[in-house]
C-alpha atoms as a PDB file:
ATOM      1  CA  MET A   1       0.231 -30.799 -49.034  1.00  0.00           C
ATOM      2  CA  PRO A   2      -2.931 -29.752 -47.118  1.00  0.00           C
ATOM      3  CA  LYS A   3      -3.746 -26.129 -46.684  1.00  0.00           C
ATOM      4  CA  ILE A   4      -3.684 -24.916 -43.058  1.00  0.00           C
ATOM      5  CA  GLY A   5      -6.003 -22.044 -42.497  1.00  0.00           C
ATOM      6  CA  LEU A   6      -4.891 -18.879 -40.693  1.00  0.00           C
ATOM      7  CA  ARG A   7      -7.374 -19.568 -37.883  1.00  0.00           C
ATOM      8  CA  HIS A   8      -5.873 -23.046 -37.308  1.00  0.00           C
ATOM      9  CA  MET A   9      -2.418 -21.688 -37.099  1.00  0.00           C
ATOM     10  CA  LEU A  10      -3.402 -18.966 -34.610  1.00  0.00           C
ATOM     11  CA  LEU A  11      -5.233 -21.497 -32.508  1.00  0.00           C
ATOM     12  CA  ALA A  12      -2.173 -23.775 -32.451  1.00  0.00           C
ATOM     13  CA  MET A  13       0.028 -20.814 -31.488  1.00  0.00           C
ATOM     14  CA  VAL A  14      -2.378 -19.727 -28.625  1.00  0.00           C
ATOM     15  CA  ILE A  15      -2.507 -23.238 -27.262  1.00  0.00           C
ATOM     16  CA  GLY A  16       1.275 -23.629 -27.444  1.00  0.00           C
ATOM     17  CA  LEU A  17       1.919 -20.239 -25.693  1.00  0.00           C
ATOM     18  CA  SER A  18      -0.717 -20.831 -23.027  1.00  0.00           C
ATOM     19  CA  GLY A  19       1.094 -24.003 -22.102  1.00  0.00           C
ATOM     20  CA  CYS A  20       4.251 -22.102 -21.327  1.00  0.00           C
ATOM     21  CA  SER A  21       2.768 -20.229 -18.415  1.00  0.00           C
ATOM     22  CA  TYR A  22       0.854 -23.218 -17.241  1.00  0.00           C
ATOM     23  CA  LEU A  23       4.009 -25.309 -17.097  1.00  0.00           C
ATOM     24  CA  GLY A  24       5.788 -22.564 -15.302  1.00  0.00           C
ATOM     25  CA  LEU A  25       8.088 -21.657 -18.193  1.00  0.00           C
ATOM     26  CA  SER A  26       8.471 -17.980 -17.892  1.00  0.00           C
ATOM     27  CA  ASP A  27      11.269 -15.358 -17.716  1.00  0.00           C
ATOM     28  CA  ASP A  28      10.509 -14.790 -14.037  1.00  0.00           C
ATOM     29  CA  ASP A  29      11.797 -18.269 -13.115  1.00  0.00           C
ATOM     30  CA  ASP A  30      15.290 -17.229 -14.166  1.00  0.00           C
ATOM     31  CA  SER A  31      15.616 -14.622 -11.387  1.00  0.00           C
ATOM     32  CA  ILE A  32      14.283 -17.164  -8.743  1.00  0.00           C
ATOM     33  CA  ALA A  33      16.885 -19.703  -9.845  1.00  0.00           C
ATOM     34  CA  ALA A  34      19.625 -17.141  -9.678  1.00  0.00           C
ATOM     35  CA  GLY A  35      18.963 -16.691  -5.913  1.00  0.00           C
ATOM     36  CA  THR A  36      17.276 -13.271  -6.131  1.00  0.00           C
ATOM     37  CA  ASP A  37      16.013 -12.136  -2.731  1.00  0.00           C
ATOM     38  CA  LEU A  38      12.215 -11.993  -2.930  1.00  0.00           C
ATOM     39  CA  THR A  39      11.625 -10.556   0.475  1.00  0.00           C
ATOM     40  CA  GLU A  40      10.197  -7.080   0.446  1.00  0.00           C
ATOM     41  CA  ALA A  41      11.560  -4.226   2.425  1.00  0.00           C
ATOM     42  CA  PRO A  42       9.768  -3.543   5.679  1.00  0.00           C
ATOM     43  CA  LYS A  43       7.405  -0.564   5.994  1.00  0.00           C
ATOM     44  CA  VAL A  44       8.795   2.601   7.668  1.00  0.00           C
ATOM     45  CA  SER A  45       7.123   5.550   9.278  1.00  0.00           C
ATOM     46  CA  VAL A  46       6.521   8.717   7.230  1.00  0.00           C
ATOM     47  CA  GLN A  47       8.222  11.885   8.366  1.00  0.00           C
ATOM     48  CA  ARG A  48       5.202  14.088   9.044  1.00  0.00           C
ATOM     49  CA  ILE A  49       1.440  14.012   8.767  1.00  0.00           C
ATOM     50  CA  GLU A  50       0.171  16.899   6.680  1.00  0.00           C
ATOM     51  CA  ASN A  51      -3.596  16.322   6.636  1.00  0.00           C
ATOM     52  CA  LEU A  52      -6.244  14.049   8.134  1.00  0.00           C
ATOM     53  CA  GLU A  53      -9.809  13.844   6.852  1.00  0.00           C
ATOM     54  CA  LEU A  54     -12.798  11.980   8.097  1.00  0.00           C
ATOM     55  CA  GLY A  55     -15.414  11.451   5.514  1.00  0.00           C
ATOM     56  CA  ARG A  56     -18.866  10.166   6.266  1.00  0.00           C
ATOM     57  CA  LEU A  57     -20.005   6.977   4.551  1.00  0.00           C
ATOM     58  CA  PHE A  58     -23.367   5.279   4.535  1.00  0.00           C
ATOM     59  CA  ASP A  59     -22.240   2.910   7.299  1.00  0.00           C
ATOM     60  CA  GLY A  60     -19.221   4.506   8.984  1.00  0.00           C
ATOM     61  CA  PHE A  61     -16.437   6.809   8.077  1.00  0.00           C
ATOM     62  CA  MET A  62     -13.500   7.029   5.656  1.00  0.00           C
ATOM     63  CA  LEU A  63     -10.246   7.975   7.238  1.00  0.00           C
ATOM     64  CA  SER A  64      -7.851   9.670   4.787  1.00  0.00           C
ATOM     65  CA  ALA A  65      -4.421  10.944   5.597  1.00  0.00           C
ATOM     66  CA  VAL A  66      -1.734  12.698   3.574  1.00  0.00           C
ATOM     67  CA  ALA A  67       1.890  12.550   4.765  1.00  0.00           C
ATOM     68  CA  ILE A  68       5.346  13.454   3.727  1.00  0.00           C
ATOM     69  CA  ALA A  69       7.581  10.448   2.943  1.00  0.00           C
ATOM     70  CA  PRO A  70      11.340  10.472   3.743  1.00  0.00           C
ATOM     71  CA  GLY A  71      12.073  10.603   0.041  1.00  0.00           C
ATOM     72  CA  THR A  72      10.499   9.961  -3.383  1.00  0.00           C
ATOM     73  CA  GLY A  73       9.495   6.542  -4.485  1.00  0.00           C
ATOM     74  CA  TYR A  74       7.880   5.372  -1.332  1.00  0.00           C
ATOM     75  CA  TYR A  75       4.916   3.072  -2.037  1.00  0.00           C
ATOM     76  CA  GLU A  76       2.171   0.978  -0.565  1.00  0.00           C
ATOM     77  CA  PRO A  77       1.203   3.628   2.039  1.00  0.00           C
ATOM     78  CA  GLU A  78      -0.847   2.086   4.943  1.00  0.00           C
ATOM     79  CA  LEU A  79      -2.561   3.221   8.108  1.00  0.00           C
ATOM     80  CA  ARG A  80      -1.532   0.449  10.394  1.00  0.00           C
ATOM     81  CA  VAL A  81      -3.749   0.078  13.493  1.00  0.00           C
ATOM     82  CA  ARG A  82      -2.308   0.080  16.978  1.00  0.00           C
ATOM     83  CA  TYR A  83      -3.383  -1.937  19.979  1.00  0.00           C
ATOM     84  CA  GLY A  84      -4.761  -4.724  17.826  1.00  0.00           C
ATOM     85  CA  GLY A  85      -7.776  -2.580  16.749  1.00  0.00           C
ATOM     86  CA  GLN A  86      -8.828  -1.795  20.306  1.00  0.00           C
ATOM     87  CA  LEU A  87      -9.308   1.744  21.744  1.00  0.00           C
ATOM     88  CA  GLY A  88      -6.164   3.415  23.139  1.00  0.00           C
ATOM     89  CA  PRO A  89      -5.998   4.504  26.826  1.00  0.00           C
ATOM     90  CA  ASP A  90      -7.611   7.847  26.054  1.00  0.00           C
ATOM     91  CA  GLY A  91     -10.459   6.539  23.865  1.00  0.00           C
ATOM     92  CA  PHE A  92      -8.864   7.176  20.459  1.00  0.00           C
ATOM     93  CA  PHE A  93      -8.250   4.644  17.765  1.00  0.00           C
ATOM     94  CA  GLU A  94      -4.606   4.954  16.854  1.00  0.00           C
ATOM     95  CA  TYR A  95      -2.808   4.301  13.571  1.00  0.00           C
ATOM     96  CA  ASP A  96       0.815   4.495  12.343  1.00  0.00           C
ATOM     97  CA  PHE A  97       1.250   5.907   8.870  1.00  0.00           C
ATOM     98  CA  VAL A  98       3.839   3.668   7.171  1.00  0.00           C
ATOM     99  CA  ALA A  99       5.044   3.087   3.682  1.00  0.00           C
ATOM    100  CA  ARG A 100       7.425   0.682   1.864  1.00  0.00           C
ATOM    101  CA  ALA A 101      10.792   2.251   0.952  1.00  0.00           C
ATOM    102  CA  PRO A 102      12.193   2.092  -2.570  1.00  0.00           C
ATOM    103  CA  ASP A 103      15.335   0.013  -3.425  1.00  0.00           C
ATOM    104  CA  ASP A 104      17.496   3.124  -2.696  1.00  0.00           C
ATOM    105  CA  PRO A 105      15.758   5.059   0.137  1.00  0.00           C
ATOM    106  CA  SER A 106      18.240   7.978  -0.071  1.00  0.00           C
ATOM    107  CA  THR A 107      16.912   8.752  -3.598  1.00  0.00           C
ATOM    108  CA  GLY A 108      14.879  11.992  -3.526  1.00  0.00           C
ATOM    109  CA  ALA A 109      15.629  12.813   0.101  1.00  0.00           C
ATOM    110  CA  ASN A 110      16.195  16.389  -0.880  1.00  0.00           C
ATOM    111  CA  ALA A 111      13.267  16.512  -3.278  1.00  0.00           C
ATOM    112  CA  PRO A 112      10.667  19.198  -2.671  1.00  0.00           C
ATOM    113  CA  ILE A 113       7.956  18.265  -0.156  1.00  0.00           C
ATOM    114  CA  THR A 114       5.355  18.287  -2.802  1.00  0.00           C
ATOM    115  CA  ALA A 115       7.098  15.430  -4.569  1.00  0.00           C
ATOM    116  CA  ARG A 116       7.095  13.314  -1.406  1.00  0.00           C
ATOM    117  CA  TYR A 117       3.377  13.459  -0.599  1.00  0.00           C
ATOM    118  CA  ILE A 118       1.645  10.069  -0.141  1.00  0.00           C
ATOM    119  CA  ARG A 119      -1.875   9.253   0.857  1.00  0.00           C
ATOM    120  CA  ALA A 120      -3.443   6.370   2.748  1.00  0.00           C
ATOM    121  CA  ASP A 121      -7.133   5.535   3.383  1.00  0.00           C
ATOM    122  CA  THR A 122      -8.966   3.128   5.561  1.00  0.00           C
ATOM    123  CA  GLU A 123     -12.611   2.474   6.323  1.00  0.00           C
ATOM    124  CA  LEU A 124     -13.979   2.766   9.890  1.00  0.00           C
ATOM    125  CA  SER A 125     -17.275   1.042  10.704  1.00  0.00           C
ATOM    126  CA  THR A 126     -19.892   2.591  13.007  1.00  0.00           C
ATOM    127  CA  ASP A 127     -19.718  -0.487  15.286  1.00  0.00           C
ATOM    128  CA  MET A 128     -16.003   0.018  16.045  1.00  0.00           C
ATOM    129  CA  LEU A 129     -16.511   3.766  16.775  1.00  0.00           C
ATOM    130  CA  ARG A 130     -19.431   3.631  19.141  1.00  0.00           C
ATOM    131  CA  ALA A 131     -17.265   4.368  22.220  1.00  0.00           C
ATOM    132  CA  ALA A 132     -14.390   6.134  20.486  1.00  0.00           C
ATOM    133  CA  ARG A 133     -13.604   9.814  20.967  1.00  0.00           C
ATOM    134  CA  GLY A 134     -11.739  10.046  17.662  1.00  0.00           C
ATOM    135  CA  VAL A 135      -8.740   8.841  15.743  1.00  0.00           C
ATOM    136  CA  ARG A 136      -5.045   9.646  15.942  1.00  0.00           C
ATOM    137  CA  ILE A 137      -2.413   9.075  13.248  1.00  0.00           C
ATOM    138  CA  TRP A 138       1.245   8.864  14.134  1.00  0.00           C
ATOM    139  CA  SER A 139       4.342   9.578  12.031  1.00  0.00           C
ATOM    140  CA  GLU A 140       7.972   9.637  12.838  1.00  0.00           C
ATOM    141  CA  ARG A 141       7.886  13.192  14.259  1.00  0.00           C
ATOM    142  CA  ASP A 142       4.300  13.978  15.200  1.00  0.00           C
ATOM    143  CA  SER A 143       0.633  12.911  15.469  1.00  0.00           C
ATOM    144  CA  VAL A 144      -2.561  14.316  14.186  1.00  0.00           C
ATOM    145  CA  GLU A 145      -5.973  13.674  15.617  1.00  0.00           C
ATOM    146  CA  GLY A 146      -9.605  13.967  14.440  1.00  0.00           C
ATOM    147  CA  ARG A 147     -12.518  13.948  16.929  1.00  0.00           C
ATOM    148  CA  PHE A 148     -15.996  12.578  16.267  1.00  0.00           C
END
Protein backbone atom coordinates (compact mmCIF):
# COMPACT_ATOMS: atom_id res chain seq x y z
CA MET A 1 0.00 0.00 0.00
CA PRO A 2 1.53 3.35 -1.02
CA LYS A 3 2.11 6.01 1.59
CA ILE A 4 0.05 9.16 1.20
CA GLY A 5 1.73 12.24 2.59
CA LEU A 6 -0.01 14.64 4.90
CA ARG A 7 0.26 17.41 2.29
CA HIS A 8 -1.51 15.29 -0.32
CA MET A 9 -4.35 14.46 2.08
CA LEU A 10 -4.79 18.13 3.01
CA LEU A 11 -4.75 19.10 -0.65
CA ALA A 12 -7.43 16.50 -1.44
CA MET A 13 -9.58 17.77 1.46
CA VAL A 14 -9.24 21.42 0.36
CA ILE A 15 -10.17 20.57 -3.21
CA GLY A 16 -13.13 18.49 -2.05
CA LEU A 17 -14.43 21.18 0.32
CA SER A 18 -14.00 24.02 -2.15
CA GLY A 19 -16.17 22.13 -4.60
CA CYS A 20 -19.08 22.16 -2.15
CA SER A 21 -19.48 25.92 -2.22
CA TYR A 22 -18.82 26.03 -5.96
CA LEU A 23 -21.57 23.53 -6.64
CA GLY A 24 -23.92 25.43 -4.36
CA LEU A 25 -23.99 22.81 -1.64
CA SER A 26 -24.21 24.79 1.56
CA ASP A 27 -26.37 25.00 4.65
CA ASP A 28 -27.91 28.27 3.39
CA ASP A 29 -29.72 26.42 0.60
CA ASP A 30 -31.86 24.55 3.13
CA SER A 31 -33.50 27.78 4.31
CA ILE A 32 -34.23 28.87 0.74
CA ALA A 33 -35.77 25.50 -0.07
CA ALA A 34 -37.94 25.72 3.04
CA GLY A 35 -39.57 28.88 1.67
CA THR A 36 -37.95 31.39 4.00
CA ASP A 37 -38.85 34.97 3.13
CA LEU A 38 -35.64 36.67 2.01
CA THR A 39 -37.08 40.17 1.64
CA GLU A 40 -35.69 42.68 4.08
CA ALA A 41 -37.80 44.94 6.23
CA PRO A 42 -38.24 48.45 4.82
CA LYS A 43 -36.32 51.29 6.40
CA VAL A 44 -38.24 53.52 8.81
CA SER A 45 -37.65 57.04 10.11
CA VAL A 46 -35.76 57.53 13.32
CA GLN A 47 -37.54 59.23 16.22
CA ARG A 48 -35.37 62.31 16.70
CA ILE A 49 -32.16 63.88 15.39
CA GLU A 50 -29.70 64.51 18.20
CA ASN A 51 -26.72 65.94 16.37
CA LEU A 52 -25.65 67.10 12.91
CA GLU A 53 -22.04 67.75 11.93
CA LEU A 54 -20.53 69.09 8.73
CA GLY A 55 -16.87 68.20 8.41
CA ARG A 56 -14.62 69.69 5.75
CA LEU A 57 -12.94 67.27 3.34
CA PHE A 58 -10.34 67.98 0.66
CA ASP A 59 -13.05 68.19 -2.00
CA GLY A 60 -16.36 68.71 -0.24
CA PHE A 61 -17.95 67.98 3.12
CA MET A 62 -18.81 64.98 5.27
CA LEU A 63 -22.33 65.10 6.66
CA SER A 64 -22.72 63.09 9.88
CA ALA A 65 -25.84 62.77 11.97
CA VAL A 66 -26.66 61.01 15.23
CA ALA A 67 -30.28 60.08 15.89
CA ILE A 68 -32.42 58.15 18.32
CA ALA A 69 -33.93 54.97 16.88
CA PRO A 70 -37.38 53.78 17.98
CA GLY A 71 -35.76 50.86 19.82
CA THR A 72 -32.56 48.87 20.08
CA GLY A 73 -31.27 46.73 17.26
CA TYR A 74 -31.97 49.11 14.37
CA TYR A 75 -29.30 48.78 11.72
CA GLU A 76 -28.14 50.07 8.32
CA PRO A 77 -28.70 53.74 9.13
CA GLU A 78 -28.87 55.92 6.04
CA LEU A 79 -29.27 59.55 5.09
CA ARG A 80 -31.68 59.19 2.17
CA VAL A 81 -31.68 62.24 -0.10
CA ARG A 82 -34.97 63.96 -0.94
CA TYR A 83 -36.02 65.54 -4.25
CA GLY A 84 -33.82 63.21 -6.28
CA GLY A 85 -30.67 64.96 -5.12
CA GLN A 86 -31.86 68.40 -6.22
CA LEU A 87 -32.06 71.47 -3.99
CA GLY A 88 -35.27 71.91 -2.04
CA PRO A 89 -37.53 74.95 -2.52
CA ASP A 90 -35.59 77.02 0.04
CA GLY A 91 -32.09 76.13 -1.25
CA PHE A 92 -31.34 73.30 1.21
CA PHE A 93 -30.37 69.74 0.41
CA GLU A 94 -32.76 67.59 2.41
CA TYR A 95 -32.28 64.08 3.78
CA ASP A 96 -34.42 61.59 5.67
CA PHE A 97 -32.62 59.71 8.43
CA VAL A 98 -33.86 56.12 8.14
CA ALA A 99 -32.79 52.72 9.48
CA ARG A 100 -33.83 49.12 9.07
CA ALA A 101 -35.88 47.69 11.95
CA PRO A 102 -34.89 44.45 13.70
CA ASP A 103 -37.07 41.33 13.47
CA ASP A 104 -39.02 42.42 16.55
CA PRO A 105 -39.22 46.25 16.46
CA SER A 106 -40.82 46.45 19.92
CA THR A 107 -37.64 45.06 21.49
CA GLY A 108 -35.84 47.78 23.39
CA ALA A 109 -38.52 50.43 22.92
CA ASN A 110 -38.17 51.32 26.61
CA ALA A 111 -34.36 51.16 26.56
CA PRO A 112 -32.46 54.25 27.65
CA ILE A 113 -31.88 56.80 24.91
CA THR A 114 -28.13 56.17 24.96
CA ALA A 115 -28.77 52.55 23.92
CA ARG A 116 -30.76 53.70 20.88
CA TYR A 117 -28.24 56.11 19.31
CA ILE A 118 -27.36 55.40 15.69
CA ARG A 119 -25.15 57.33 13.29
CA ALA A 120 -25.20 57.85 9.53
CA ASP A 121 -22.70 59.60 7.26
CA THR A 122 -22.68 60.74 3.65
CA GLU A 123 -20.23 62.67 1.53
CA LEU A 124 -21.23 65.95 -0.13
CA SER A 125 -19.22 67.15 -3.12
CA THR A 126 -18.37 70.80 -3.68
CA ASP A 127 -20.06 70.69 -7.11
CA MET A 128 -23.43 69.78 -5.63
CA LEU A 129 -23.14 72.44 -2.93
CA ARG A 130 -22.28 75.48 -5.06
CA ALA A 131 -25.76 77.02 -4.88
CA ALA A 132 -26.91 75.37 -1.65
CA ARG A 133 -27.61 77.31 1.53
CA GLY A 134 -27.17 74.23 3.73
CA VAL A 135 -28.49 70.78 4.57
CA ARG A 136 -31.55 69.63 6.50
CA ILE A 137 -32.11 66.18 8.00
CA TRP A 138 -35.61 64.97 8.84
CA SER A 139 -36.74 62.45 11.43
CA GLU A 140 -40.19 61.30 12.45
CA ARG A 141 -40.64 64.22 14.85
CA ASP A 142 -38.28 67.01 13.83
CA SER A 143 -35.59 68.33 11.52
CA VAL A 144 -32.14 69.76 12.05
CA GLU A 145 -30.29 71.98 9.65
CA GLY A 146 -26.72 73.05 9.07
CA ARG A 147 -25.82 76.12 7.04
CA PHE A 148 -22.76 76.61 4.86
